[in-house]
Amino acid sequence: MSRFAAHAGDRYRAVRNLLLLSCLLAAPLAHAGSGRAHDRQPQQFNLAACYQLVHHEGRMIAWARWEEGFSLEKTRAGEFREGTPVWIVDMVRAWITDAYGWQATDEQVRQWAEELGNTDDLPSAARLTKHETIAIWMRRLARNCDSRQAQANTPQPEVAGLAREETGGN
């Protein structure tokens, strides 16, 4: 095969991969909300939809970052489908930025191993395979969903104050 043919093949794969990433980021969330694919994306944060985001969009970000080696700019270039809720756009954009700035720590490796139930012969964070790195990062995203849910369940000070006024409390 000539150099030109090899270069053209590389270029074709890069364009194909970018198009695939764009399509996957623009695709609707399957099974978000009530679990039916034809349902609309929830306009407000909800934990089930967040976990679906981790599963689908988080996986695509990890694929672009660690498996394909895409640049941050190339990964950010994916567009969202019109009407995608703001909370989803904001969360996915934050995850993209996080994926390119985050480095696993030995403490995170230990936590991950504890969750899996086996802390024998742990690799150092510097020696993780790309798939182990992805698994730890994806767990990090799920924890982000959990903390966001906890924030959503915590009454805001001004709302809590209104509730006390309505009941006559201080």
N, C-alpha and C. Protein backbone atom coordinates (compact mmCIF):
# COMPACT_ATOMS: atom_id res chain seq x y z
N MET A 1 0.85 -1.17 0.00
CA MET A 1 0.00 0.00 0.00
C MET A 1 0.91 1.24 0.00
N SER A 2 0.52 2.21 -0.80
CA SER A 2 1.31 3.44 -0.87
C SER A 2 1.10 4.30 0.36
N ARG A 3 2.01 5.24 0.55
CA ARG A 3 1.85 6.19 1.67
C ARG A 3 0.57 6.99 1.53
N PHE A 4 0.25 7.37 0.31
CA PHE A 4 -0.96 8.15 0.08
C PHE A 4 -2.20 7.37 0.50
N ALA A 5 -2.26 6.10 0.12
CA ALA A 5 -3.41 5.27 0.48
C ALA A 5 -3.50 5.11 2.00
N ALA A 6 -2.37 4.93 2.66
CA ALA A 6 -2.38 4.80 4.12
C ALA A 6 -2.84 6.09 4.77
N HIS A 7 -2.36 7.24 4.27
CA HIS A 7 -2.77 8.54 4.81
C HIS A 7 -4.26 8.79 4.58
N ALA A 8 -4.74 8.44 3.40
CA ALA A 8 -6.17 8.61 3.09
C ALA A 8 -7.02 7.75 4.01
N GLY A 9 -6.54 6.53 4.29
CA GLY A 9 -7.27 5.65 5.21
C GLY A 9 -7.33 6.22 6.61
N ASP A 10 -6.23 6.82 7.08
CA ASP A 10 -6.21 7.45 8.40
C ASP A 10 -7.17 8.62 8.44
N ARG A 11 -7.17 9.41 7.38
CA ARG A 11 -8.05 10.57 7.32
C ARG A 11 -9.52 10.11 7.31
N TYR A 12 -9.81 9.07 6.55
CA TYR A 12 -11.17 8.54 6.50
C TYR A 12 -11.62 8.09 7.89
N ARG A 13 -10.75 7.35 8.61
CA ARG A 13 -11.10 6.89 9.95
C ARG A 13 -11.32 8.06 10.91
N ALA A 14 -10.49 9.08 10.81
CA ALA A 14 -10.64 10.25 11.69
C ALA A 14 -11.97 10.95 11.43
N VAL A 15 -12.32 11.13 10.16
CA VAL A 15 -13.60 11.78 9.82
C VAL A 15 -14.76 10.91 10.27
N ARG A 16 -14.66 9.60 10.01
CA ARG A 16 -15.71 8.67 10.43
C ARG A 16 -15.90 8.71 11.94
N ASN A 17 -14.81 8.70 12.69
CA ASN A 17 -14.89 8.72 14.14
C ASN A 17 -15.48 10.02 14.66
N LEU A 18 -15.12 11.14 14.05
CA LEU A 18 -15.69 12.43 14.45
C LEU A 18 -17.18 12.46 14.17
N LEU A 19 -17.60 11.95 13.01
CA LEU A 19 -19.02 11.90 12.69
C LEU A 19 -19.77 10.99 13.66
N LEU A 20 -19.18 9.86 13.98
CA LEU A 20 -19.80 8.95 14.93
C LEU A 20 -19.97 9.60 16.29
N LEU A 21 -18.92 10.28 16.76
CA LEU A 21 -19.00 10.97 18.05
C LEU A 21 -20.09 12.04 18.02
N SER A 22 -20.15 12.82 16.95
CA SER A 22 -21.17 13.87 16.83
C SER A 22 -22.56 13.27 16.84
N CYS A 23 -22.75 12.19 16.12
CA CYS A 23 -24.06 11.54 16.08
C CYS A 23 -24.45 10.99 17.45
N LEU A 24 -23.49 10.39 18.13
CA LEU A 24 -23.80 9.82 19.43
C LEU A 24 -24.13 10.89 20.47
N LEU A 25 -23.42 12.01 20.42
CA LEU A 25 -23.73 13.09 21.35
C LEU A 25 -25.06 13.75 21.02
N ALA A 26 -25.43 13.74 19.75
CA ALA A 26 -26.68 14.38 19.34
C ALA A 26 -27.88 13.46 19.47
N ALA A 27 -27.65 12.18 19.63
CA ALA A 27 -28.75 11.21 19.71
C ALA A 27 -29.54 11.42 20.99
N PRO A 28 -30.84 11.15 20.92
CA PRO A 28 -31.66 11.30 22.14
C PRO A 28 -31.27 10.26 23.17
N LEU A 29 -31.52 10.58 24.42
CA LEU A 29 -31.26 9.63 25.49
C LEU A 29 -32.30 8.53 25.43
N ALA A 30 -31.88 7.33 25.19
CA ALA A 30 -32.82 6.22 25.18
C ALA A 30 -33.16 5.86 26.61
N HIS A 31 -34.40 5.63 26.83
CA HIS A 31 -34.90 5.16 28.12
C HIS A 31 -34.77 6.15 29.27
N ALA A 32 -34.52 7.41 29.02
CA ALA A 32 -34.49 8.38 30.11
C ALA A 32 -35.92 8.64 30.55
N GLY A 33 -36.09 9.06 31.75
CA GLY A 33 -37.43 9.35 32.24
C GLY A 33 -38.12 8.06 32.65
N SER A 34 -39.24 7.73 31.97
CA SER A 34 -40.02 6.57 32.37
C SER A 34 -39.47 5.26 31.85
N GLY A 35 -38.42 5.32 31.03
CA GLY A 35 -37.82 4.09 30.54
C GLY A 35 -38.25 3.75 29.13
N ARG A 36 -39.03 4.59 28.46
CA ARG A 36 -39.44 4.31 27.09
C ARG A 36 -38.66 5.20 26.15
N ALA A 37 -38.17 4.64 25.06
CA ALA A 37 -37.28 5.36 24.16
C ALA A 37 -37.95 6.57 23.51
N HIS A 38 -39.26 6.57 23.36
CA HIS A 38 -39.90 7.69 22.68
C HIS A 38 -40.24 8.85 23.62
N ASP A 39 -40.00 8.69 24.90
CA ASP A 39 -40.25 9.78 25.85
C ASP A 39 -39.27 10.92 25.61
N ARG A 40 -39.71 12.12 25.95
CA ARG A 40 -38.83 13.28 25.85
C ARG A 40 -37.82 13.26 26.98
N GLN A 41 -36.73 13.96 26.75
CA GLN A 41 -35.72 14.09 27.80
C GLN A 41 -36.30 14.97 28.90
N PRO A 42 -36.05 14.62 30.16
CA PRO A 42 -36.60 15.42 31.25
C PRO A 42 -35.98 16.83 31.27
N GLN A 43 -36.81 17.83 31.40
CA GLN A 43 -36.33 19.21 31.42
C GLN A 43 -35.62 19.55 32.72
N GLN A 44 -35.93 18.83 33.78
CA GLN A 44 -35.29 19.02 35.07
C GLN A 44 -34.42 17.79 35.37
N PHE A 45 -33.36 18.02 36.13
CA PHE A 45 -32.48 16.91 36.52
C PHE A 45 -33.30 15.81 37.16
N ASN A 46 -32.99 14.57 36.80
CA ASN A 46 -33.51 13.43 37.54
C ASN A 46 -32.43 12.34 37.53
N LEU A 47 -32.36 11.60 38.61
CA LEU A 47 -31.26 10.66 38.83
C LEU A 47 -31.21 9.57 37.77
N ALA A 48 -32.35 9.02 37.39
CA ALA A 48 -32.35 7.96 36.38
C ALA A 48 -31.81 8.47 35.05
N ALA A 49 -32.21 9.66 34.64
CA ALA A 49 -31.71 10.24 33.39
C ALA A 49 -30.22 10.52 33.49
N CYS A 50 -29.76 10.94 34.66
CA CYS A 50 -28.33 11.21 34.86
C CYS A 50 -27.52 9.93 34.70
N TYR A 51 -28.00 8.83 35.28
CA TYR A 51 -27.31 7.56 35.13
C TYR A 51 -27.28 7.11 33.66
N GLN A 52 -28.37 7.38 32.94
CA GLN A 52 -28.39 7.07 31.51
C GLN A 52 -27.36 7.90 30.76
N LEU A 53 -27.22 9.16 31.16
CA LEU A 53 -26.18 10.02 30.56
C LEU A 53 -24.80 9.43 30.80
N VAL A 54 -24.54 8.98 32.02
CA VAL A 54 -23.26 8.36 32.33
C VAL A 54 -23.04 7.17 31.41
N HIS A 55 -24.06 6.35 31.30
CA HIS A 55 -23.95 5.12 30.50
C HIS A 55 -23.71 5.41 29.02
N HIS A 56 -24.42 6.37 28.47
CA HIS A 56 -24.32 6.63 27.03
C HIS A 56 -23.30 7.71 26.70
N GLU A 57 -23.56 8.93 27.12
CA GLU A 57 -22.67 10.03 26.78
C GLU A 57 -21.33 9.93 27.48
N GLY A 58 -21.33 9.52 28.74
CA GLY A 58 -20.08 9.33 29.46
C GLY A 58 -19.20 8.30 28.77
N ARG A 59 -19.82 7.24 28.31
CA ARG A 59 -19.07 6.20 27.60
C ARG A 59 -18.48 6.74 26.30
N MET A 60 -19.24 7.57 25.59
CA MET A 60 -18.76 8.13 24.33
C MET A 60 -17.60 9.12 24.57
N ILE A 61 -17.69 9.86 25.66
CA ILE A 61 -16.60 10.78 26.01
C ILE A 61 -15.34 9.96 26.32
N ALA A 62 -15.51 8.90 27.11
CA ALA A 62 -14.37 8.04 27.46
C ALA A 62 -13.77 7.40 26.21
N TRP A 63 -14.62 6.96 25.30
CA TRP A 63 -14.16 6.37 24.04
C TRP A 63 -13.31 7.39 23.28
N ALA A 64 -13.83 8.61 23.17
CA ALA A 64 -13.10 9.64 22.43
C ALA A 64 -11.78 9.98 23.12
N ARG A 65 -11.80 10.09 24.43
CA ARG A 65 -10.63 10.53 25.20
C ARG A 65 -9.55 9.46 25.29
N TRP A 66 -9.92 8.27 25.78
CA TRP A 66 -8.91 7.27 26.10
C TRP A 66 -8.72 6.22 25.00
N GLU A 67 -9.77 5.87 24.29
CA GLU A 67 -9.62 4.83 23.29
C GLU A 67 -9.20 5.38 21.93
N GLU A 68 -9.75 6.51 21.53
CA GLU A 68 -9.41 7.08 20.23
C GLU A 68 -8.34 8.16 20.30
N GLY A 69 -8.13 8.71 21.51
CA GLY A 69 -7.12 9.75 21.66
C GLY A 69 -7.49 11.08 21.03
N PHE A 70 -8.79 11.34 20.91
CA PHE A 70 -9.23 12.62 20.35
C PHE A 70 -8.77 13.77 21.24
N SER A 71 -8.55 14.91 20.63
CA SER A 71 -8.21 16.11 21.40
C SER A 71 -9.46 16.63 22.11
N LEU A 72 -9.23 17.47 23.10
CA LEU A 72 -10.34 18.11 23.81
C LEU A 72 -11.22 18.87 22.82
N GLU A 73 -10.61 19.61 21.92
CA GLU A 73 -11.36 20.41 20.96
C GLU A 73 -12.22 19.53 20.06
N LYS A 74 -11.67 18.43 19.62
CA LYS A 74 -12.42 17.52 18.74
C LYS A 74 -13.61 16.91 19.49
N THR A 75 -13.41 16.56 20.74
CA THR A 75 -14.49 15.99 21.53
C THR A 75 -15.57 17.04 21.81
N ARG A 76 -15.14 18.26 22.09
CA ARG A 76 -16.11 19.35 22.33
C ARG A 76 -16.90 19.70 21.08
N ALA A 77 -16.39 19.35 19.91
CA ALA A 77 -17.02 19.73 18.64
C ALA A 77 -18.36 19.03 18.42
N GLY A 78 -18.62 17.95 19.14
CA GLY A 78 -19.91 17.27 19.00
C GLY A 78 -21.04 18.23 19.37
N GLU A 79 -22.12 18.16 18.61
CA GLU A 79 -23.25 19.06 18.85
C GLU A 79 -24.39 18.31 19.51
N PHE A 80 -25.25 19.05 20.17
CA PHE A 80 -26.40 18.48 20.84
C PHE A 80 -27.64 18.67 19.96
N ARG A 81 -28.55 17.73 20.07
CA ARG A 81 -29.81 17.81 19.34
C ARG A 81 -30.59 19.04 19.82
N GLU A 82 -31.26 19.71 18.91
CA GLU A 82 -32.06 20.87 19.28
C GLU A 82 -33.08 20.47 20.34
N GLY A 83 -33.22 21.30 21.34
CA GLY A 83 -34.17 21.03 22.41
C GLY A 83 -33.60 20.21 23.56
N THR A 84 -32.33 19.86 23.49
CA THR A 84 -31.71 19.13 24.60
C THR A 84 -31.75 20.01 25.84
N PRO A 85 -32.25 19.49 26.95
CA PRO A 85 -32.35 20.29 28.17
C PRO A 85 -30.99 20.88 28.59
N VAL A 86 -31.03 22.08 29.12
CA VAL A 86 -29.82 22.79 29.51
C VAL A 86 -29.00 22.00 30.53
N TRP A 87 -29.67 21.36 31.48
CA TRP A 87 -28.91 20.62 32.50
C TRP A 87 -28.10 19.49 31.87
N ILE A 88 -28.61 18.88 30.81
CA ILE A 88 -27.88 17.81 30.13
C ILE A 88 -26.69 18.38 29.38
N VAL A 89 -26.90 19.45 28.65
CA VAL A 89 -25.82 20.10 27.90
C VAL A 89 -24.71 20.51 28.86
N ASP A 90 -25.09 21.17 29.96
CA ASP A 90 -24.09 21.63 30.94
C ASP A 90 -23.32 20.46 31.55
N MET A 91 -24.04 19.40 31.88
CA MET A 91 -23.40 18.26 32.53
C MET A 91 -22.43 17.57 31.56
N VAL A 92 -22.85 17.33 30.35
CA VAL A 92 -21.98 16.65 29.38
C VAL A 92 -20.76 17.51 29.05
N ARG A 93 -20.96 18.80 28.89
CA ARG A 93 -19.80 19.68 28.64
C ARG A 93 -18.82 19.65 29.81
N ALA A 94 -19.35 19.64 31.02
CA ALA A 94 -18.48 19.57 32.21
C ALA A 94 -17.72 18.24 32.24
N TRP A 95 -18.39 17.16 31.86
CA TRP A 95 -17.74 15.86 31.83
C TRP A 95 -16.62 15.82 30.80
N ILE A 96 -16.84 16.44 29.65
CA ILE A 96 -15.80 16.47 28.62
C ILE A 96 -14.56 17.18 29.17
N THR A 97 -14.78 18.34 29.78
CA THR A 97 -13.66 19.09 30.36
C THR A 97 -12.97 18.25 31.43
N ASP A 98 -13.76 17.60 32.28
CA ASP A 98 -13.22 16.78 33.35
C ASP A 98 -12.37 15.63 32.80
N ALA A 99 -12.84 14.98 31.76
CA ALA A 99 -12.13 13.83 31.20
C ALA A 99 -10.71 14.20 30.77
N TYR A 100 -10.54 15.41 30.28
CA TYR A 100 -9.23 15.82 29.79
C TYR A 100 -8.33 16.42 30.87
N GLY A 101 -8.90 16.74 32.02
CA GLY A 101 -8.09 17.30 33.10
C GLY A 101 -7.86 16.35 34.25
N TRP A 102 -8.66 15.31 34.33
CA TRP A 102 -8.64 14.38 35.46
C TRP A 102 -7.52 13.36 35.34
N GLN A 103 -6.90 13.05 36.46
CA GLN A 103 -5.92 11.97 36.57
C GLN A 103 -6.33 11.10 37.75
N ALA A 104 -6.34 9.80 37.55
CA ALA A 104 -6.67 8.88 38.64
C ALA A 104 -5.63 8.99 39.75
N THR A 105 -6.09 8.81 40.97
CA THR A 105 -5.18 8.78 42.13
C THR A 105 -5.19 7.38 42.73
N ASP A 106 -4.17 7.09 43.52
CA ASP A 106 -4.12 5.79 44.19
C ASP A 106 -5.32 5.60 45.11
N GLU A 107 -5.78 6.68 45.73
CA GLU A 107 -6.96 6.62 46.61
C GLU A 107 -8.20 6.21 45.80
N GLN A 108 -8.37 6.76 44.61
CA GLN A 108 -9.51 6.39 43.77
C GLN A 108 -9.41 4.93 43.33
N VAL A 109 -8.21 4.46 43.06
CA VAL A 109 -8.01 3.05 42.69
C VAL A 109 -8.45 2.17 43.87
N ARG A 110 -8.04 2.55 45.08
CA ARG A 110 -8.41 1.78 46.27
C ARG A 110 -9.93 1.77 46.47
N GLN A 111 -10.57 2.93 46.33
CA GLN A 111 -12.04 3.01 46.48
C GLN A 111 -12.74 2.12 45.46
N TRP A 112 -12.28 2.19 44.23
CA TRP A 112 -12.87 1.38 43.16
C TRP A 112 -12.73 -0.10 43.48
N ALA A 113 -11.54 -0.51 43.95
CA ALA A 113 -11.30 -1.91 44.29
C ALA A 113 -12.20 -2.34 45.45
N GLU A 114 -12.38 -1.47 46.44
CA GLU A 114 -13.27 -1.78 47.56
C GLU A 114 -14.70 -1.98 47.08
N GLU A 115 -15.15 -1.14 46.16
CA GLU A 115 -16.50 -1.28 45.61
C GLU A 115 -16.66 -2.60 44.87
N LEU A 116 -15.60 -3.05 44.24
CA LEU A 116 -15.63 -4.33 43.52
C LEU A 116 -15.42 -5.52 44.45
N GLY A 117 -14.97 -5.24 45.69
CA GLY A 117 -14.79 -6.29 46.67
C GLY A 117 -13.46 -7.01 46.63
N ASN A 118 -12.45 -6.42 45.99
CA ASN A 118 -11.15 -7.06 45.93
C ASN A 118 -10.06 -6.00 45.94
N THR A 119 -9.34 -5.93 47.06
CA THR A 119 -8.27 -4.93 47.18
C THR A 119 -6.89 -5.58 47.11
N ASP A 120 -6.83 -6.82 46.65
CA ASP A 120 -5.54 -7.52 46.52
C ASP A 120 -4.81 -7.04 45.26
N ASP A 121 -3.51 -6.88 45.37
CA ASP A 121 -2.65 -6.57 44.22
C ASP A 121 -3.14 -5.39 43.39
N LEU A 122 -3.39 -4.28 44.03
CA LEU A 122 -3.87 -3.10 43.31
C LEU A 122 -2.75 -2.44 42.51
N PRO A 123 -3.04 -2.04 41.29
CA PRO A 123 -2.03 -1.29 40.54
C PRO A 123 -1.99 0.14 41.06
N SER A 124 -0.89 0.80 40.86
CA SER A 124 -0.86 2.23 41.19
C SER A 124 -1.66 2.96 40.12
N ALA A 125 -2.07 4.15 40.43
CA ALA A 125 -2.85 4.94 39.47
C ALA A 125 -2.08 5.13 38.17
N ALA A 126 -0.78 5.26 38.25
CA ALA A 126 0.05 5.48 37.07
C ALA A 126 0.12 4.24 36.18
N ARG A 127 -0.24 3.07 36.70
CA ARG A 127 -0.12 1.82 35.93
C ARG A 127 -1.46 1.26 35.49
N LEU A 128 -2.53 2.03 35.59
CA LEU A 128 -3.85 1.56 35.17
C LEU A 128 -3.89 1.35 33.66
N THR A 129 -4.66 0.35 33.23
CA THR A 129 -4.92 0.22 31.80
C THR A 129 -5.93 1.29 31.41
N LYS A 130 -6.10 1.53 30.13
CA LYS A 130 -7.09 2.54 29.72
C LYS A 130 -8.50 2.11 30.13
N HIS A 131 -8.77 0.80 30.15
CA HIS A 131 -10.10 0.35 30.53
C HIS A 131 -10.33 0.50 32.04
N GLU A 132 -9.30 0.30 32.84
CA GLU A 132 -9.43 0.55 34.28
C GLU A 132 -9.61 2.04 34.53
N THR A 133 -8.88 2.85 33.79
CA THR A 133 -9.03 4.31 33.92
C THR A 133 -10.45 4.73 33.59
N ILE A 134 -10.99 4.19 32.51
CA ILE A 134 -12.36 4.51 32.10
C ILE A 134 -13.35 4.08 33.18
N ALA A 135 -13.16 2.89 33.74
CA ALA A 135 -14.09 2.40 34.78
C ALA A 135 -14.09 3.32 35.99
N ILE A 136 -12.93 3.76 36.41
CA ILE A 136 -12.85 4.66 37.57
C ILE A 136 -13.46 6.01 37.24
N TRP A 137 -13.20 6.51 36.04
CA TRP A 137 -13.77 7.80 35.64
C TRP A 137 -15.29 7.72 35.53
N MET A 138 -15.80 6.63 34.98
CA MET A 138 -17.26 6.47 34.85
C MET A 138 -17.91 6.41 36.24
N ARG A 139 -17.25 5.77 37.19
CA ARG A 139 -17.77 5.73 38.55
C ARG A 139 -17.79 7.14 39.14
N ARG A 140 -16.79 7.93 38.78
CA ARG A 140 -16.72 9.33 39.21
C ARG A 140 -17.95 10.09 38.70
N LEU A 141 -18.34 9.82 37.44
CA LEU A 141 -19.52 10.48 36.88
C LEU A 141 -20.79 10.07 37.62
N ALA A 142 -20.89 8.79 37.94
CA ALA A 142 -22.07 8.32 38.68
C ALA A 142 -22.15 9.00 40.04
N ARG A 143 -21.00 9.19 40.68
CA ARG A 143 -21.00 9.90 41.97
C ARG A 143 -21.44 11.35 41.78
N ASN A 144 -21.09 11.93 40.64
CA ASN A 144 -21.54 13.29 40.32
C ASN A 144 -23.06 13.33 40.26
N CYS A 145 -23.68 12.31 39.68
CA CYS A 145 -25.14 12.22 39.65
C CYS A 145 -25.69 12.14 41.07
N ASP A 146 -25.07 11.29 41.90
CA ASP A 146 -25.52 11.12 43.28
C ASP A 146 -25.45 12.44 44.05
N SER A 147 -24.34 13.17 43.90
CA SER A 147 -24.21 14.42 44.64
C SER A 147 -25.18 15.47 44.11
N ARG A 148 -25.43 15.44 42.83
CA ARG A 148 -26.39 16.38 42.26
C ARG A 148 -27.81 16.08 42.76
N GLN A 149 -28.13 14.80 42.91
CA GLN A 149 -29.43 14.41 43.45
C GLN A 149 -29.56 14.89 44.90
N ALA A 150 -28.49 14.73 45.67
CA ALA A 150 -28.51 15.19 47.07
C ALA A 150 -28.74 16.70 47.13
N GLN A 151 -28.11 17.44 46.22
CA GLN A 151 -28.31 18.89 46.17
C GLN A 151 -29.76 19.22 45.82
N ALA A 152 -30.32 18.46 44.89
CA ALA A 152 -31.71 18.70 44.48
C ALA A 152 -32.68 18.42 45.63
N ASN A 153 -32.32 17.50 46.52
CA ASN A 153 -33.19 17.15 47.64
C ASN A 153 -33.00 18.05 48.85
N THR A 154 -31.97 18.89 48.85
CA THR A 154 -31.71 19.79 49.96
C THR A 154 -32.48 21.09 49.74
N PRO A 155 -33.34 21.47 50.69
CA PRO A 155 -34.08 22.72 50.51
C PRO A 155 -33.13 23.91 50.47
N GLN A 156 -33.39 24.80 49.55
CA GLN A 156 -32.59 26.02 49.46
C GLN A 156 -32.95 26.93 50.63
N PRO A 157 -32.01 27.72 51.17
CA PRO A 157 -32.27 28.56 52.35
C PRO A 157 -33.51 29.44 52.19
N GLU A 158 -33.67 30.05 51.02
CA GLU A 158 -34.83 30.93 50.86
C GLU A 158 -36.14 30.14 50.84
N VAL A 159 -36.11 28.92 50.30
CA VAL A 159 -37.30 28.08 50.28
C VAL A 159 -37.58 27.57 51.69
N ALA A 160 -36.53 27.17 52.41
CA ALA A 160 -36.70 26.70 53.79
C ALA A 160 -37.27 27.81 54.65
N GLY A 161 -36.82 29.04 54.45
CA GLY A 161 -37.33 30.18 55.21
C GLY A 161 -38.80 30.41 54.95
N LEU A 162 -39.21 30.25 53.69
CA LEU A 162 -40.63 30.40 53.36
C LEU A 162 -41.46 29.32 54.06
N ALA A 163 -40.95 28.11 54.10
CA ALA A 163 -41.68 27.02 54.75
C ALA A 163 -41.86 27.32 56.23
N ARG A 164 -40.82 27.88 56.89
CA ARG A 164 -40.94 28.21 58.31
C ARG A 164 -41.97 29.32 58.51
N GLU A 165 -41.98 30.31 57.62
CA GLU A 165 -42.94 31.42 57.74
C GLU A 165 -44.36 30.91 57.60
N GLU A 166 -44.57 29.97 56.66
CA GLU A 166 -45.92 29.44 56.44
C GLU A 166 -46.43 28.67 57.65
N THR A 167 -45.54 28.01 58.37
CA THR A 167 -45.96 27.20 59.52
C THR A 167 -45.87 28.00 60.82
N GLY A 168 -45.36 29.22 60.72
CA GLY A 168 -45.24 30.04 61.91
C GLY A 168 -43.98 29.78 62.70
N GLY A 169 -43.07 28.96 62.15
CA GLY A 169 -41.81 28.64 62.85
C GLY A 169 -40.77 29.72 62.63
N ASN A 170 -39.66 29.63 63.36
CA ASN A 170 -38.57 30.58 63.21
C ASN A 170 -37.47 30.02 62.36
